[in-house]
Protein backbone atom coordinates (compact mmCIF):
# COMPACT_ATOMS: atom_id res chain seq x y z
CA MET A 1 -23.70 22.59 -17.26
CA SER A 2 -22.77 19.03 -18.27
CA PRO A 3 -20.43 17.81 -15.35
CA ILE A 4 -17.15 16.80 -16.18
CA LEU A 5 -15.60 13.54 -14.74
CA ALA A 6 -12.63 13.34 -12.64
CA LYS A 7 -10.86 10.71 -14.96
CA GLN A 8 -11.35 13.78 -17.86
CA VAL A 9 -10.01 16.37 -15.70
CA HIS A 10 -7.20 14.23 -15.14
CA ARG A 11 -6.48 13.62 -18.77
CA GLU A 12 -6.84 17.48 -19.75
CA LEU A 13 -4.43 18.24 -17.07
CA ILE A 14 -2.22 15.51 -18.23
CA THR A 15 -2.24 17.01 -21.67
CA GLN A 16 -1.56 20.61 -20.50
CA LEU A 17 0.39 20.64 -17.63
CA GLY A 18 2.80 17.56 -18.98
CA PRO A 19 4.44 19.99 -21.29
CA VAL A 20 5.40 22.57 -19.05
CA LEU A 21 6.44 20.43 -16.02
CA GLY A 22 8.62 18.53 -18.63
CA GLU A 23 10.64 21.61 -19.60
CA GLU A 24 11.19 22.10 -15.68
CA GLY A 25 12.83 18.23 -15.81
CA PHE A 26 9.57 16.68 -14.29
CA ARG A 27 8.36 13.17 -15.76
CA ARG A 28 5.25 11.51 -15.39
CA ILE A 29 4.43 9.12 -12.83
CA ARG A 30 2.64 5.95 -14.13
CA PRO A 31 0.64 3.63 -13.94
CA GLY A 32 -2.37 5.42 -13.57
CA SER A 33 -4.98 8.00 -14.73
CA THR A 34 -3.88 10.85 -12.01
CA ALA A 35 -2.22 13.73 -13.00
CA ALA A 36 1.27 13.28 -11.26
CA TRP A 37 4.93 14.07 -12.00
CA CYS A 38 8.38 13.71 -10.41
CA LYS A 39 11.64 15.32 -10.63
CA THR A 40 14.69 13.83 -8.75
CA VAL A 41 16.13 16.59 -6.09
CA GLY A 42 19.04 15.14 -4.61
CA GLU A 43 18.19 11.85 -3.56
CA ARG A 44 14.46 12.29 -2.98
CA PHE A 45 11.69 13.22 -5.49
CA LEU A 46 9.94 16.47 -5.98
CA LEU A 47 6.17 15.37 -6.55
CA VAL A 48 3.24 17.39 -8.30
CA TRP A 49 -0.09 16.00 -8.49
CA VAL A 50 -3.74 16.89 -9.04
CA GLN A 51 -6.32 16.01 -6.46
CA VAL A 52 -9.79 16.36 -7.48
CA SER A 53 -12.42 17.05 -4.61
CA ARG A 54 -14.45 13.80 -3.61
CA SER A 55 -17.02 16.03 -2.13
CA GLY A 56 -18.65 18.16 -4.65
CA ASP A 57 -21.81 19.23 -4.88
CA PRO A 58 -24.18 16.34 -4.84
CA PHE A 59 -27.16 18.19 -6.32
CA GLY A 60 -24.75 19.75 -9.23
CA TRP A 61 -25.49 23.51 -8.44
CA HIS A 62 -21.79 24.95 -7.19
CA GLY A 63 -19.86 22.19 -8.99
CA THR A 64 -16.60 20.82 -7.29
CA SER A 65 -13.03 21.58 -7.42
CA LEU A 66 -9.29 20.58 -7.88
CA THR A 67 -6.23 21.27 -6.08
CA VAL A 68 -2.19 20.55 -7.10
CA GLU A 69 -0.26 19.25 -4.24
CA PHE A 70 3.48 19.32 -3.85
CA ALA A 71 5.69 16.97 -1.77
CA LEU A 72 9.37 16.22 -1.29
CA SER A 73 9.37 12.34 -0.79
CA ASP A 74 11.79 9.41 -0.77
CA SER A 75 9.73 7.39 -3.32
CA THR A 76 7.42 8.52 -6.32
CA VAL A 77 4.20 7.47 -4.81
CA ILE A 78 1.99 10.31 -4.50
CA GLY A 79 0.64 11.38 -1.07
CA SER A 80 3.80 10.51 0.37
CA GLY A 81 6.60 12.57 1.69
CA ARG A 82 7.28 15.56 3.80
CA PRO A 83 7.63 18.74 3.73
CA ARG A 84 4.35 18.81 1.65
CA GLU A 85 2.26 21.93 0.16
CA ARG A 86 -0.85 22.94 -1.87
CA LEU A 87 -0.63 25.38 -4.85
CA THR A 88 -1.98 28.62 -3.43
CA ARG A 89 0.51 28.46 -0.64
CA LEU A 90 3.50 28.33 -3.06
CA LEU A 91 2.06 31.27 -4.99
CA SER A 92 2.77 35.19 -4.45
CA HIS A 93 0.10 37.73 -3.70
CA GLU A 94 -0.36 38.74 -7.25
CA GLU A 95 -0.89 35.11 -8.34
CA ARG A 96 -3.47 34.45 -5.39
CA GLU A 97 -5.43 37.64 -6.77
CA GLU A 98 -5.44 35.80 -10.36
CA ILE A 99 -6.62 32.64 -8.74
CA ARG A 100 -9.65 34.86 -6.74
CA ARG A 101 -10.58 36.66 -9.86
CA ASN A 102 -10.96 33.54 -11.78
CA GLN A 103 -12.82 31.70 -8.79
CA ASN A 104 -15.03 34.74 -8.73
CA ALA A 105 -16.10 34.54 -12.67
CA PHE A 106 -16.93 30.80 -12.14
CA ILE A 107 -19.15 32.00 -9.07
CA SER A 108 -20.87 34.68 -11.43
CA ARG A 109 -21.77 32.04 -13.78
CA LEU A 110 -23.56 29.83 -11.20
CA PRO A 111 -27.26 29.84 -12.15
CA PRO A 112 -29.66 30.49 -8.76
CA ALA A 113 -29.46 27.92 -6.35
CA PRO A 114 -32.12 25.13 -7.15
CA ALA A 115 -35.27 25.79 -5.41
CA GLY A 116 -36.29 22.36 -4.82
CA VAL A 117 -32.85 21.38 -3.11
CA LEU A 118 -33.26 24.70 -0.73
CA ALA A 119 -36.57 23.69 0.37
CA GLN A 120 -35.24 20.24 1.49
CA LEU A 121 -32.18 21.11 3.59
CA PRO A 122 -32.52 22.23 7.09
CA ALA A 123 -31.76 25.94 7.84
CA PRO A 124 -27.86 25.37 8.79
CA LEU A 125 -27.15 23.49 5.74
CA ARG A 126 -29.17 25.75 3.41
CA SER A 127 -27.01 28.93 4.60
CA SER A 128 -23.83 27.20 3.88
CA TYR A 129 -25.15 25.59 0.82
CA LEU A 130 -26.10 29.36 -0.30
CA ALA A 131 -22.57 30.50 0.60
CA GLN A 132 -21.32 28.53 -2.25
CA GLY A 133 -22.40 31.61 -4.29
CA ASP A 134 -21.09 34.15 -2.69
CA LEU A 135 -17.94 36.28 -4.21
CA ARG A 136 -14.66 36.32 -2.41
CA THR A 137 -14.32 40.00 -1.55
CA GLU A 138 -10.86 39.45 0.35
CA PRO A 139 -7.72 38.55 -1.12
CA TYR A 140 -6.67 34.99 -0.10
CA GLY A 141 -4.04 34.51 2.66
CA ASP A 142 -0.65 32.88 2.00
CA LYS A 143 -1.45 30.43 4.52
CA GLU A 144 -4.95 29.73 3.04
CA ASP A 145 -6.21 26.59 1.52
CA VAL A 146 -7.94 27.38 -1.90
CA TRP A 147 -9.30 24.91 -4.06
CA LEU A 148 -10.22 25.83 -7.61
CA ARG A 149 -13.81 25.47 -8.39
CA TYR A 150 -15.27 23.94 -11.75
CA ALA A 151 -18.45 22.30 -13.05
CA ASP A 152 -17.67 21.59 -16.45
CA ALA A 153 -15.20 21.32 -19.24
CA ARG A 154 -15.72 25.22 -20.20
CA ASP A 155 -14.90 26.00 -16.38
CA LEU A 156 -11.97 23.52 -16.30
CA GLN A 157 -10.47 25.16 -19.40
CA SER A 158 -10.85 28.59 -17.71
CA TRP A 159 -7.99 27.32 -15.33
CA LEU A 160 -6.02 26.14 -18.13
CA PRO A 161 -3.93 29.27 -18.90
CA LEU A 162 -3.23 29.76 -15.16
CA LEU A 163 -2.21 26.43 -14.09
CA GLN A 164 0.17 26.36 -17.02
CA LYS A 165 2.04 29.56 -15.64
CA MET A 166 1.32 29.03 -11.94
CA VAL A 167 2.26 25.11 -11.45
CA PRO A 168 5.73 25.07 -12.58
CA ALA A 169 6.51 28.53 -10.85
CA ALA A 170 5.05 26.70 -7.60
CA ALA A 171 7.28 23.90 -8.14
CA ARG A 172 10.36 25.86 -8.35
CA GLU A 173 9.35 27.44 -5.17
CA ALA A 174 8.33 24.23 -3.48
CA GLU A 175 11.66 23.02 -4.45
CA ILE A 176 13.51 25.93 -2.76
CA ARG A 177 11.45 25.57 0.46
CA PHE A 178 11.83 22.09 0.74
CA THR A 179 15.47 22.01 0.17
CA SER A 180 16.02 24.94 2.30
CA VAL A 181 18.03 24.32 5.50
CA GLY A 182 15.70 23.50 8.11
CA SER A 183 13.18 21.56 6.00
């Protein structure tokens, strides 16, 4: 496994998600290398951006993760605005099951945990570290915050078809939820 840098992740997602979000009326937020888009909704902006985890595995075994965020904001500054939600909380049960299947496929490809690392970890940390290799047997709940795991370019590529389908659908759902009465 050759790790993929966050900058490369954003570059790939800009290329892959830009066209499908463009079809939904989104435009890229610039400057910067972050994969981020906005769409005017009334007098506000619906923001969509990719967030790459800053707390991946420092030993390289179980990789890292990303999520896609959505917010309704008065400006085009990512991270601003309320209401705000993450991808899997905007998906249907069936879509979350697709996420779970892909997540489990990633976990199934993990090599055994590195023995040298395990020997150095205190027992409580060892069990939580090893848990990163456990398959998810229960469906994700609609309120659960799920980050999409990857370790290298191959893993990231496995997420692209799902993201190209789900991110535009989640953006439509976000717009409905965020602009409904009571938001």
